[in-house]
């Protein structure tokens, strides 16, 4: 499986993402600049964290108009698995690939710490290697991770089982419904604030994030064997 790590001006978790895929997962991966006009040949797309375009206007608001995002949208429509982490999640929201919006953290302070999550849905391309209700530990690092949507949208997310992860034991940023990660209706786009790519080895304090990437690969391989 071949992954693309999209690099925007201000991305700073692209190297972490690259390392997680190449060295821990053992899959093929390439950096792709925000100026790219094609994502042909990639089986998975990863939008890393950071401060794209300095977070001017709103987090992800300018990155959403990068050349490569038109290709990300096309890939999403064809079912390619797309993961947006932290700033990547914010960009997916701005691009309309996921519903809702991000607000500043409840305490108006940058958060940088490990947190507990609960796996709410294991029937996605990103979570099938987890157990439903499993608690995992992933690091957080953001100033605007307070997920919000209106009541109607929240009801749809709940009805369609689109909430993949919730904060467990503590809601660090005030996110509505303790939401830490959601998928689109088709199930091939995941946005989440915690960083799975920073939790792929015990040396980092947790390897709970590795299962997420393993889930992507396993589901991709199973679908291609079936369709072969």
C-alpha atoms as a PDB file:
ATOM      1  CA  UNK A   1       0.000   0.000   0.000  1.00  0.00           C
ATOM      2  CA  UNK A   2       1.342   3.420  -0.934  1.00  0.00           C
ATOM      3  CA  UNK A   3       0.615   6.486   1.215  1.00  0.00           C
ATOM      4  CA  UNK A   4       0.887  10.197   0.470  1.00  0.00           C
ATOM      5  CA  UNK A   5       1.786  12.574   3.302  1.00  0.00           C
ATOM      6  CA  UNK A   6       0.538  15.998   2.238  1.00  0.00           C
ATOM      7  CA  UNK A   7       2.905  18.815   3.231  1.00  0.00           C
ATOM      8  CA  UNK A   8       1.558  22.345   3.621  1.00  0.00           C
ATOM      9  CA  UNK A   9       3.580  25.453   4.504  1.00  0.00           C
ATOM     10  CA  UNK A  10       3.659  25.198   8.298  1.00  0.00           C
ATOM     11  CA  UNK A  11       3.146  21.433   8.579  1.00  0.00           C
ATOM     12  CA  UNK A  12       5.298  20.097  11.414  1.00  0.00           C
ATOM     13  CA  UNK A  13       4.050  16.556  11.963  1.00  0.00           C
ATOM     14  CA  UNK A  14       4.744  15.341   8.443  1.00  0.00           C
ATOM     15  CA  UNK A  15       8.005  13.688   9.490  1.00  0.00           C
ATOM     16  CA  UNK A  16       6.274  11.879  12.351  1.00  0.00           C
ATOM     17  CA  UNK A  17       3.636  10.609   9.928  1.00  0.00           C
ATOM     18  CA  UNK A  18       6.262   9.507   7.404  1.00  0.00           C
ATOM     19  CA  UNK A  19       8.191   7.638  10.115  1.00  0.00           C
ATOM     20  CA  UNK A  20       5.053   5.880  11.383  1.00  0.00           C
ATOM     21  CA  UNK A  21       4.256   4.542   7.911  1.00  0.00           C
ATOM     22  CA  UNK A  22       7.751   3.703   6.671  1.00  0.00           C
ATOM     23  CA  UNK A  23       9.541   2.498   9.796  1.00  0.00           C
ATOM     24  CA  UNK A  24       6.774   1.187  12.040  1.00  0.00           C
ATOM     25  CA  UNK A  25       4.126   0.044   9.566  1.00  0.00           C
ATOM     26  CA  UNK A  26       6.564  -0.992   6.843  1.00  0.00           C
ATOM     27  CA  UNK A  27       4.580   0.463   3.961  1.00  0.00           C
ATOM     28  CA  UNK A  28       5.549   2.724   1.068  1.00  0.00           C
ATOM     29  CA  UNK A  29       5.149   6.469   1.647  1.00  0.00           C
ATOM     30  CA  UNK A  30       6.032   9.741  -0.074  1.00  0.00           C
ATOM     31  CA  UNK A  31       5.831  13.417   0.806  1.00  0.00           C
ATOM     32  CA  UNK A  32       3.509  15.324  -1.522  1.00  0.00           C
ATOM     33  CA  UNK A  33       3.635  19.152  -1.604  1.00  0.00           C
ATOM     34  CA  UNK A  34       0.565  21.368  -1.337  1.00  0.00           C
ATOM     35  CA  UNK A  35       1.204  22.476  -4.924  1.00  0.00           C
ATOM     36  CA  UNK A  36       0.680  18.979  -6.365  1.00  0.00           C
ATOM     37  CA  UNK A  37      -1.966  18.622  -9.067  1.00  0.00           C
ATOM     38  CA  UNK A  38      -2.324  14.844  -8.892  1.00  0.00           C
ATOM     39  CA  UNK A  39      -2.533  12.090  -6.294  1.00  0.00           C
ATOM     40  CA  UNK A  40      -2.641   9.300  -8.830  1.00  0.00           C
ATOM     41  CA  UNK A  41      -0.925   6.129  -7.683  1.00  0.00           C
ATOM     42  CA  UNK A  42      -1.546   6.620  -3.969  1.00  0.00           C
ATOM     43  CA  UNK A  43      -3.741   4.210  -2.035  1.00  0.00           C
ATOM     44  CA  UNK A  44      -4.046   6.294   1.139  1.00  0.00           C
ATOM     45  CA  UNK A  45      -3.766  10.001   1.914  1.00  0.00           C
ATOM     46  CA  UNK A  46      -2.532  11.491   5.180  1.00  0.00           C
ATOM     47  CA  UNK A  47      -2.958  15.129   6.232  1.00  0.00           C
ATOM     48  CA  UNK A  48      -0.584  15.778   9.145  1.00  0.00           C
ATOM     49  CA  UNK A  49      -0.713  18.238  12.014  1.00  0.00           C
ATOM     50  CA  UNK A  50       1.002  21.584  12.309  1.00  0.00           C
ATOM     51  CA  UNK A  51       0.140  25.190  11.568  1.00  0.00           C
ATOM     52  CA  UNK A  52      -0.645  25.322   7.865  1.00  0.00           C
ATOM     53  CA  UNK A  53      -0.231  28.870   6.571  1.00  0.00           C
ATOM     54  CA  UNK A  54       0.344  30.020  10.145  1.00  0.00           C
ATOM     55  CA  UNK A  55      -3.300  29.318  11.084  1.00  0.00           C
ATOM     56  CA  UNK A  56      -4.213  32.715   9.629  1.00  0.00           C
ATOM     57  CA  UNK A  57      -7.950  33.452   9.292  1.00  0.00           C
ATOM     58  CA  UNK A  58      -8.895  30.107  10.863  1.00  0.00           C
ATOM     59  CA  UNK A  59      -7.089  26.828  11.314  1.00  0.00           C
ATOM     60  CA  UNK A  60      -7.093  25.081   7.939  1.00  0.00           C
ATOM     61  CA  UNK A  61      -8.950  27.903   6.191  1.00  0.00           C
ATOM     62  CA  UNK A  62      -6.181  28.759   3.710  1.00  0.00           C
ATOM     63  CA  UNK A  63      -4.828  25.228   3.293  1.00  0.00           C
ATOM     64  CA  UNK A  64      -8.278  24.195   2.136  1.00  0.00           C
ATOM     65  CA  UNK A  65      -7.636  26.158  -1.098  1.00  0.00           C
ATOM     66  CA  UNK A  66      -4.257  24.562  -1.861  1.00  0.00           C
ATOM     67  CA  UNK A  67      -3.957  22.898  -5.264  1.00  0.00           C
ATOM     68  CA  UNK A  68      -3.663  19.446  -3.749  1.00  0.00           C
ATOM     69  CA  UNK A  69      -6.968  19.693  -1.864  1.00  0.00           C
ATOM     70  CA  UNK A  70      -8.976  19.452  -5.078  1.00  0.00           C
ATOM     71  CA  UNK A  71      -7.267  16.098  -5.603  1.00  0.00           C
ATOM     72  CA  UNK A  72      -7.926  15.070  -2.001  1.00  0.00           C
ATOM     73  CA  UNK A  73     -11.637  15.759  -2.535  1.00  0.00           C
ATOM     74  CA  UNK A  74     -11.623  13.673  -5.728  1.00  0.00           C
ATOM     75  CA  UNK A  75      -9.859  10.832  -3.929  1.00  0.00           C
ATOM     76  CA  UNK A  76     -12.408  10.940  -1.123  1.00  0.00           C
ATOM     77  CA  UNK A  77     -15.234  10.642  -3.625  1.00  0.00           C
ATOM     78  CA  UNK A  78     -13.676   7.477  -5.077  1.00  0.00           C
ATOM     79  CA  UNK A  79     -13.313   5.822  -1.660  1.00  0.00           C
ATOM     80  CA  UNK A  80      -9.588   6.307  -0.996  1.00  0.00           C
ATOM     81  CA  UNK A  81      -8.899   6.220   2.768  1.00  0.00           C
ATOM     82  CA  UNK A  82      -8.022   9.720   4.003  1.00  0.00           C
ATOM     83  CA  UNK A  83      -6.777  10.526   7.501  1.00  0.00           C
ATOM     84  CA  UNK A  84      -6.503  14.066   8.849  1.00  0.00           C
ATOM     85  CA  UNK A  85      -4.805  14.508  12.218  1.00  0.00           C
ATOM     86  CA  UNK A  86      -4.983  17.722  14.278  1.00  0.00           C
ATOM     87  CA  UNK A  87      -4.444  20.455  11.670  1.00  0.00           C
ATOM     88  CA  UNK A  88      -5.301  17.807   9.088  1.00  0.00           C
ATOM     89  CA  UNK A  89      -8.695  17.345  10.783  1.00  0.00           C
ATOM     90  CA  UNK A  90      -9.210  21.106  10.735  1.00  0.00           C
ATOM     91  CA  UNK A  91      -8.433  21.193   7.011  1.00  0.00           C
ATOM     92  CA  UNK A  92     -10.911  18.380   6.300  1.00  0.00           C
ATOM     93  CA  UNK A  93     -13.611  20.342   8.123  1.00  0.00           C
ATOM     94  CA  UNK A  94     -12.835  23.497   6.155  1.00  0.00           C
ATOM     95  CA  UNK A  95     -12.909  21.493   2.903  1.00  0.00           C
ATOM     96  CA  UNK A  96     -16.354  20.138   3.728  1.00  0.00           C
ATOM     97  CA  UNK A  97     -15.163  16.525   3.735  1.00  0.00           C
ATOM     98  CA  UNK A  98     -16.343  16.230   7.346  1.00  0.00           C
ATOM     99  CA  UNK A  99     -19.184  18.090   9.109  1.00  0.00           C
ATOM    100  CA  UNK A 100     -18.753  20.590  11.923  1.00  0.00           C
ATOM    101  CA  UNK A 101     -16.126  23.130  12.900  1.00  0.00           C
ATOM    102  CA  UNK A 102     -13.313  23.777  15.358  1.00  0.00           C
ATOM    103  CA  UNK A 103     -13.325  26.358  18.122  1.00  0.00           C
ATOM    104  CA  UNK A 104     -10.561  27.433  20.466  1.00  0.00           C
ATOM    105  CA  UNK A 105      -9.968  25.128  23.405  1.00  0.00           C
ATOM    106  CA  UNK A 106     -12.368  25.655  26.296  1.00  0.00           C
ATOM    107  CA  UNK A 107      -9.657  27.144  28.532  1.00  0.00           C
ATOM    108  CA  UNK A 108      -8.187  29.232  25.674  1.00  0.00           C
ATOM    109  CA  UNK A 109      -4.811  27.569  26.197  1.00  0.00           C
ATOM    110  CA  UNK A 110      -2.642  25.321  24.060  1.00  0.00           C
ATOM    111  CA  UNK A 111      -2.820  21.675  25.200  1.00  0.00           C
ATOM    112  CA  UNK A 112       0.175  19.346  24.930  1.00  0.00           C
ATOM    113  CA  UNK A 113      -0.231  16.072  26.826  1.00  0.00           C
ATOM    114  CA  UNK A 114      -1.299  12.459  26.541  1.00  0.00           C
ATOM    115  CA  UNK A 115      -4.981  11.679  26.871  1.00  0.00           C
ATOM    116  CA  UNK A 116      -7.258   8.656  27.067  1.00  0.00           C
ATOM    117  CA  UNK A 117      -9.650   7.880  24.240  1.00  0.00           C
ATOM    118  CA  UNK A 118     -12.477   5.393  23.925  1.00  0.00           C
ATOM    119  CA  UNK A 119     -12.942   3.548  20.627  1.00  0.00           C
ATOM    120  CA  UNK A 120     -16.618   4.009  19.771  1.00  0.00           C
ATOM    121  CA  UNK A 121     -16.849   2.411  16.337  1.00  0.00           C
ATOM    122  CA  UNK A 122     -14.729  -0.490  15.105  1.00  0.00           C
ATOM    123  CA  UNK A 123     -16.590  -0.840  11.816  1.00  0.00           C
ATOM    124  CA  UNK A 124     -14.424   1.629   9.908  1.00  0.00           C
ATOM    125  CA  UNK A 125     -11.328   1.328   7.734  1.00  0.00           C
ATOM    126  CA  UNK A 126      -9.380   3.036  10.523  1.00  0.00           C
ATOM    127  CA  UNK A 127     -10.523   1.222  13.669  1.00  0.00           C
ATOM    128  CA  UNK A 128     -11.125  -2.435  12.813  1.00  0.00           C
ATOM    129  CA  UNK A 129      -7.995  -3.587  14.672  1.00  0.00           C
ATOM    130  CA  UNK A 130      -9.350  -2.155  17.923  1.00  0.00           C
ATOM    131  CA  UNK A 131     -12.023  -3.573  20.227  1.00  0.00           C
ATOM    132  CA  UNK A 132     -15.227  -1.592  20.712  1.00  0.00           C
ATOM    133  CA  UNK A 133     -14.980   0.285  23.987  1.00  0.00           C
ATOM    134  CA  UNK A 134     -11.212  -0.157  24.122  1.00  0.00           C
ATOM    135  CA  UNK A 135      -9.391   2.680  25.856  1.00  0.00           C
ATOM    136  CA  UNK A 136      -6.182   3.908  24.282  1.00  0.00           C
ATOM    137  CA  UNK A 137      -3.623   6.612  25.042  1.00  0.00           C
ATOM    138  CA  UNK A 138      -2.612   9.156  22.396  1.00  0.00           C
ATOM    139  CA  UNK A 139      -0.902  12.559  22.675  1.00  0.00           C
ATOM    140  CA  UNK A 140      -2.632  15.893  22.068  1.00  0.00           C
ATOM    141  CA  UNK A 141      -1.050  19.139  20.860  1.00  0.00           C
ATOM    142  CA  UNK A 142      -3.453  21.871  19.771  1.00  0.00           C
ATOM    143  CA  UNK A 143      -4.969  25.237  20.561  1.00  0.00           C
ATOM    144  CA  UNK A 144      -8.173  24.810  18.553  1.00  0.00           C
ATOM    145  CA  UNK A 145      -9.497  21.302  19.051  1.00  0.00           C
ATOM    146  CA  UNK A 146     -12.875  22.085  20.550  1.00  0.00           C
ATOM    147  CA  UNK A 147     -15.101  20.264  18.039  1.00  0.00           C
ATOM    148  CA  UNK A 148     -18.545  21.753  17.517  1.00  0.00           C
ATOM    149  CA  UNK A 149     -21.593  21.115  15.366  1.00  0.00           C
ATOM    150  CA  UNK A 150     -25.291  21.919  15.614  1.00  0.00           C
ATOM    151  CA  UNK A 151     -27.768  19.543  17.250  1.00  0.00           C
ATOM    152  CA  UNK A 152     -29.043  18.236  13.925  1.00  0.00           C
ATOM    153  CA  UNK A 153     -25.540  17.340  12.749  1.00  0.00           C
ATOM    154  CA  UNK A 154     -24.715  15.695  16.071  1.00  0.00           C
ATOM    155  CA  UNK A 155     -27.859  13.580  15.812  1.00  0.00           C
ATOM    156  CA  UNK A 156     -26.799  12.450  12.327  1.00  0.00           C
ATOM    157  CA  UNK A 157     -23.290  11.586  13.539  1.00  0.00           C
ATOM    158  CA  UNK A 158     -24.748   9.513  16.350  1.00  0.00           C
ATOM    159  CA  UNK A 159     -27.380   7.820  14.183  1.00  0.00           C
ATOM    160  CA  UNK A 160     -24.852   6.862  11.489  1.00  0.00           C
ATOM    161  CA  UNK A 161     -22.232   5.749  14.014  1.00  0.00           C
ATOM    162  CA  UNK A 162     -19.789   8.307  12.613  1.00  0.00           C
ATOM    163  CA  UNK A 163     -18.156   9.088  15.961  1.00  0.00           C
ATOM    164  CA  UNK A 164     -14.989   6.985  15.923  1.00  0.00           C
ATOM    165  CA  UNK A 165     -13.269   8.193  19.106  1.00  0.00           C
ATOM    166  CA  UNK A 166     -14.301  10.083  22.223  1.00  0.00           C
ATOM    167  CA  UNK A 167     -12.260  11.489  25.080  1.00  0.00           C
ATOM    168  CA  UNK A 168     -12.431   9.162  28.066  1.00  0.00           C
ATOM    169  CA  UNK A 169     -12.305  10.258  31.697  1.00  0.00           C
ATOM    170  CA  UNK A 170     -11.474  13.871  30.827  1.00  0.00           C
ATOM    171  CA  UNK A 171     -12.560  16.217  28.073  1.00  0.00           C
ATOM    172  CA  UNK A 172      -9.378  18.265  27.598  1.00  0.00           C
ATOM    173  CA  UNK A 173     -10.658  20.882  25.159  1.00  0.00           C
ATOM    174  CA  UNK A 174     -14.432  21.142  25.666  1.00  0.00           C
ATOM    175  CA  UNK A 175     -15.291  19.221  22.495  1.00  0.00           C
ATOM    176  CA  UNK A 176     -19.026  18.643  22.020  1.00  0.00           C
ATOM    177  CA  UNK A 177     -20.036  15.163  23.158  1.00  0.00           C
ATOM    178  CA  UNK A 178     -16.402  14.429  24.078  1.00  0.00           C
ATOM    179  CA  UNK A 179     -15.784  13.915  20.357  1.00  0.00           C
ATOM    180  CA  UNK A 180     -12.147  13.241  19.468  1.00  0.00           C
ATOM    181  CA  UNK A 181     -12.572  11.828  15.947  1.00  0.00           C
ATOM    182  CA  UNK A 182     -15.284  11.372  13.322  1.00  0.00           C
ATOM    183  CA  UNK A 183     -15.671   9.706   9.934  1.00  0.00           C
ATOM    184  CA  UNK A 184     -17.703  10.760   6.925  1.00  0.00           C
ATOM    185  CA  UNK A 185     -20.887   8.908   5.963  1.00  0.00           C
ATOM    186  CA  UNK A 186     -19.035   6.716   3.474  1.00  0.00           C
ATOM    187  CA  UNK A 187     -16.516   5.804   6.182  1.00  0.00           C
ATOM    188  CA  UNK A 188     -13.332   6.477   4.193  1.00  0.00           C
ATOM    189  CA  UNK A 189     -12.428   9.872   5.709  1.00  0.00           C
ATOM    190  CA  UNK A 190     -11.354  10.178   9.352  1.00  0.00           C
ATOM    191  CA  UNK A 191     -10.512  13.371  11.181  1.00  0.00           C
ATOM    192  CA  UNK A 192      -9.139  13.297  14.715  1.00  0.00           C
ATOM    193  CA  UNK A 193      -7.343  15.698  17.040  1.00  0.00           C
ATOM    194  CA  UNK A 194      -5.094  13.240  18.961  1.00  0.00           C
ATOM    195  CA  UNK A 195      -1.920  12.074  17.194  1.00  0.00           C
ATOM    196  CA  UNK A 196      -1.783   8.325  16.415  1.00  0.00           C
ATOM    197  CA  UNK A 197       1.481   8.792  14.514  1.00  0.00           C
ATOM    198  CA  UNK A 198       3.133   9.872  17.759  1.00  0.00           C
ATOM    199  CA  UNK A 199       2.065   6.661  19.490  1.00  0.00           C
ATOM    200  CA  UNK A 200       3.479   3.854  17.360  1.00  0.00           C
ATOM    201  CA  UNK A 201       6.287   2.618  19.643  1.00  0.00           C
ATOM    202  CA  UNK A 202       6.592   2.029  23.379  1.00  0.00           C
ATOM    203  CA  UNK A 203       9.616   4.341  23.361  1.00  0.00           C
ATOM    204  CA  UNK A 204       7.146   7.147  22.659  1.00  0.00           C
ATOM    205  CA  UNK A 205       5.059   6.211  25.698  1.00  0.00           C
ATOM    206  CA  UNK A 206       2.350   4.319  23.798  1.00  0.00           C
ATOM    207  CA  UNK A 207       1.935   2.236  20.651  1.00  0.00           C
ATOM    208  CA  UNK A 208      -1.857   2.470  20.674  1.00  0.00           C
ATOM    209  CA  UNK A 209      -1.826   4.527  17.482  1.00  0.00           C
ATOM    210  CA  UNK A 210      -0.231   1.768  15.422  1.00  0.00           C
ATOM    211  CA  UNK A 211      -3.481  -0.202  15.272  1.00  0.00           C
ATOM    212  CA  UNK A 212      -5.099   2.660  13.404  1.00  0.00           C
ATOM    213  CA  UNK A 213      -2.579   2.451  10.580  1.00  0.00           C
ATOM    214  CA  UNK A 214      -2.699  -1.347  10.647  1.00  0.00           C
ATOM    215  CA  UNK A 215      -6.464  -1.129  10.236  1.00  0.00           C
ATOM    216  CA  UNK A 216      -6.095   0.987   7.103  1.00  0.00           C
ATOM    217  CA  UNK A 217      -3.674  -1.480   5.527  1.00  0.00           C
ATOM    218  CA  UNK A 218      -5.649  -4.563   6.487  1.00  0.00           C
ATOM    219  CA  UNK A 219      -8.906  -3.198   5.073  1.00  0.00           C
ATOM    220  CA  UNK A 220      -7.202  -1.990   1.901  1.00  0.00           C
ATOM    221  CA  UNK A 221      -5.608  -5.393   1.308  1.00  0.00           C
ATOM    222  CA  UNK A 222      -8.831  -7.283   2.017  1.00  0.00           C
ATOM    223  CA  UNK A 223     -10.773  -5.090  -0.405  1.00  0.00           C
ATOM    224  CA  UNK A 224      -8.174  -5.535  -3.120  1.00  0.00           C
ATOM    225  CA  UNK A 225      -8.035  -9.299  -2.688  1.00  0.00           C
ATOM    226  CA  UNK A 226     -11.819  -9.445  -2.951  1.00  0.00           C
ATOM    227  CA  UNK A 227     -11.810  -7.203  -6.018  1.00  0.00           C
ATOM    228  CA  UNK A 228      -8.823  -8.859  -7.676  1.00  0.00           C
END
